[in-house]
Amino acid sequence: MFSYENDANFVQDREDLIAILRMRFGDIPSGVVEAVYELNELDTLERLILVAANAPSLKVFLEELEEGNGSFRIMGERFNPIEALSERDGINGEKGK
């Protein structure tokens, strides 16, 4: 892949990640945006896009952001956005915990 194509992929993935975070969690701290722009591995950016789409809270995403390049698995109830909604909205007859 040519360098300019790689650079374009990084820019697009960073923008996608920030857009997903804003759609899911509203305003995000400027420090998070800065941290996203400091990421320089495409695999990490792609993993964090999946995390942002599935993490039930910004806190969980931030924990994964701090993991850097060392984390590769996205599994378990920790990444169940529906569970977070059901707890918040009282789905299944229960009010938030």
C-alpha atoms as a PDB file:
ATOM      1  CA  MET A   1       0.000   0.000   0.000  1.00  0.00           C
ATOM      2  CA  PHE A   2       1.295   3.450  -0.857  1.00  0.00           C
ATOM      3  CA  SER A   3       2.148   5.762   1.998  1.00  0.00           C
ATOM      4  CA  TYR A   4      -0.581   8.274   1.146  1.00  0.00           C
ATOM      5  CA  GLU A   5      -3.157   5.443   1.114  1.00  0.00           C
ATOM      6  CA  ASN A   6      -1.951   4.283   4.514  1.00  0.00           C
ATOM      7  CA  ASP A   7      -2.126   7.842   5.853  1.00  0.00           C
ATOM      8  CA  ALA A   8      -5.654   8.181   4.479  1.00  0.00           C
ATOM      9  CA  ASN A   9      -6.654   4.938   6.228  1.00  0.00           C
ATOM     10  CA  PHE A  10      -5.318   6.238   9.529  1.00  0.00           C
ATOM     11  CA  VAL A  11      -7.177   9.529   9.183  1.00  0.00           C
ATOM     12  CA  GLN A  12     -10.415   7.765   8.231  1.00  0.00           C
ATOM     13  CA  ASP A  13     -10.159   5.207  11.052  1.00  0.00           C
ATOM     14  CA  ARG A  14      -9.414   7.912  13.616  1.00  0.00           C
ATOM     15  CA  GLU A  15     -12.392   9.953  12.433  1.00  0.00           C
ATOM     16  CA  ASP A  16     -14.614   6.846  12.447  1.00  0.00           C
ATOM     17  CA  LEU A  17     -13.560   6.019  16.000  1.00  0.00           C
ATOM     18  CA  ILE A  18     -14.268   9.544  17.239  1.00  0.00           C
ATOM     19  CA  ALA A  19     -17.643   9.578  15.448  1.00  0.00           C
ATOM     20  CA  ILE A  20     -18.675   6.259  17.039  1.00  0.00           C
ATOM     21  CA  LEU A  21     -17.645   7.506  20.479  1.00  0.00           C
ATOM     22  CA  ARG A  22     -19.703  10.673  20.029  1.00  0.00           C
ATOM     23  CA  MET A  23     -22.735   8.754  18.755  1.00  0.00           C
ATOM     24  CA  ARG A  24     -22.595   6.307  21.647  1.00  0.00           C
ATOM     25  CA  PHE A  25     -21.505   8.513  24.545  1.00  0.00           C
ATOM     26  CA  GLY A  26     -22.122  12.138  23.545  1.00  0.00           C
ATOM     27  CA  ASP A  27     -19.402  14.697  24.123  1.00  0.00           C
ATOM     28  CA  ILE A  28     -16.041  13.129  24.779  1.00  0.00           C
ATOM     29  CA  PRO A  29     -13.126  14.775  26.554  1.00  0.00           C
ATOM     30  CA  SER A  30     -10.561  16.468  24.321  1.00  0.00           C
ATOM     31  CA  GLY A  31      -7.881  14.280  25.886  1.00  0.00           C
ATOM     32  CA  VAL A  32      -9.574  11.215  24.399  1.00  0.00           C
ATOM     33  CA  VAL A  33      -9.550  12.795  20.930  1.00  0.00           C
ATOM     34  CA  GLU A  34      -5.860  13.608  21.355  1.00  0.00           C
ATOM     35  CA  ALA A  35      -5.130  10.030  22.460  1.00  0.00           C
ATOM     36  CA  VAL A  36      -6.938   8.679  19.391  1.00  0.00           C
ATOM     37  CA  TYR A  37      -4.826  10.883  17.126  1.00  0.00           C
ATOM     38  CA  GLU A  38      -1.653   9.623  18.810  1.00  0.00           C
ATOM     39  CA  LEU A  39      -2.459   6.016  17.871  1.00  0.00           C
ATOM     40  CA  ASN A  40      -0.171   4.854  15.107  1.00  0.00           C
ATOM     41  CA  GLU A  41      -1.053   1.194  14.584  1.00  0.00           C
ATOM     42  CA  LEU A  42      -3.902   0.357  12.226  1.00  0.00           C
ATOM     43  CA  ASP A  43      -4.726  -2.884  14.082  1.00  0.00           C
ATOM     44  CA  THR A  44      -5.135  -0.979  17.343  1.00  0.00           C
ATOM     45  CA  LEU A  45      -7.419   1.586  15.714  1.00  0.00           C
ATOM     46  CA  GLU A  46      -9.570  -1.138  14.178  1.00  0.00           C
ATOM     47  CA  ARG A  47      -9.814  -2.972  17.511  1.00  0.00           C
ATOM     48  CA  LEU A  48     -10.820   0.227  19.286  1.00  0.00           C
ATOM     49  CA  ILE A  49     -13.539   0.868  16.698  1.00  0.00           C
ATOM     50  CA  LEU A  50     -15.036  -2.493  17.659  1.00  0.00           C
ATOM     51  CA  VAL A  51     -14.606  -1.701  21.349  1.00  0.00           C
ATOM     52  CA  ALA A  52     -16.320   1.680  20.921  1.00  0.00           C
ATOM     53  CA  ALA A  53     -19.237   0.039  19.141  1.00  0.00           C
ATOM     54  CA  ASN A  54     -19.690  -2.612  21.847  1.00  0.00           C
ATOM     55  CA  ALA A  55     -18.530  -1.137  25.147  1.00  0.00           C
ATOM     56  CA  PRO A  56     -21.465  -0.379  27.443  1.00  0.00           C
ATOM     57  CA  SER A  57     -19.811   2.762  28.809  1.00  0.00           C
ATOM     58  CA  LEU A  58     -17.138   5.302  28.018  1.00  0.00           C
ATOM     59  CA  LYS A  59     -15.291   4.071  31.100  1.00  0.00           C
ATOM     60  CA  VAL A  60     -14.896   0.595  29.575  1.00  0.00           C
ATOM     61  CA  PHE A  61     -13.670   2.139  26.319  1.00  0.00           C
ATOM     62  CA  LEU A  62     -11.115   4.272  28.185  1.00  0.00           C
ATOM     63  CA  GLU A  63      -9.792   1.202  29.988  1.00  0.00           C
ATOM     64  CA  GLU A  64      -9.276  -0.482  26.623  1.00  0.00           C
ATOM     65  CA  LEU A  65      -7.683   2.651  25.167  1.00  0.00           C
ATOM     66  CA  GLU A  66      -5.117   2.539  27.971  1.00  0.00           C
ATOM     67  CA  GLU A  67      -4.290  -1.085  27.087  1.00  0.00           C
ATOM     68  CA  GLY A  68      -2.647   0.133  23.902  1.00  0.00           C
ATOM     69  CA  ASN A  69      -1.387  -2.530  21.525  1.00  0.00           C
ATOM     70  CA  GLY A  70      -1.363  -5.336  24.086  1.00  0.00           C
ATOM     71  CA  SER A  71      -5.044  -6.276  24.080  1.00  0.00           C
ATOM     72  CA  PHE A  72      -6.675  -8.239  21.265  1.00  0.00           C
ATOM     73  CA  ARG A  73      -9.777  -9.923  22.668  1.00  0.00           C
ATOM     74  CA  ILE A  74     -13.140  -8.265  22.873  1.00  0.00           C
ATOM     75  CA  MET A  75     -15.419 -10.701  24.627  1.00  0.00           C
ATOM     76  CA  GLY A  76     -17.670 -11.322  27.590  1.00  0.00           C
ATOM     77  CA  GLU A  77     -20.406  -9.340  29.271  1.00  0.00           C
ATOM     78  CA  ARG A  78     -18.009  -6.423  29.605  1.00  0.00           C
ATOM     79  CA  PHE A  79     -18.731  -5.747  25.908  1.00  0.00           C
ATOM     80  CA  ASN A  80     -22.482  -6.233  25.907  1.00  0.00           C
ATOM     81  CA  PRO A  81     -24.076  -2.863  25.094  1.00  0.00           C
ATOM     82  CA  ILE A  82     -27.563  -4.354  25.376  1.00  0.00           C
ATOM     83  CA  GLU A  83     -26.914  -5.332  28.993  1.00  0.00           C
ATOM     84  CA  ALA A  84     -26.002  -1.733  29.796  1.00  0.00           C
ATOM     85  CA  LEU A  85     -29.205  -0.496  28.137  1.00  0.00           C
ATOM     86  CA  SER A  86     -31.354  -3.005  29.982  1.00  0.00           C
ATOM     87  CA  GLU A  87     -29.857  -1.974  33.319  1.00  0.00           C
ATOM     88  CA  ARG A  88     -30.265   1.716  32.548  1.00  0.00           C
ATOM     89  CA  ASP A  89     -33.782   1.543  31.104  1.00  0.00           C
ATOM     90  CA  GLY A  90     -35.278  -1.138  33.309  1.00  0.00           C
ATOM     91  CA  ILE A  91     -35.786  -3.634  30.482  1.00  0.00           C
ATOM     92  CA  ASN A  92     -36.768  -7.161  31.611  1.00  0.00           C
ATOM     93  CA  GLY A  93     -38.770  -5.769  34.500  1.00  0.00           C
ATOM     94  CA  GLU A  94     -35.787  -4.516  36.499  1.00  0.00           C
ATOM     95  CA  LYS A  95     -34.831  -0.971  37.271  1.00  0.00           C
ATOM     96  CA  GLY A  96     -31.155   0.069  36.918  1.00  0.00           C
ATOM     97  CA  LYS A  97     -28.749  -1.412  39.438  1.00  0.00           C
END
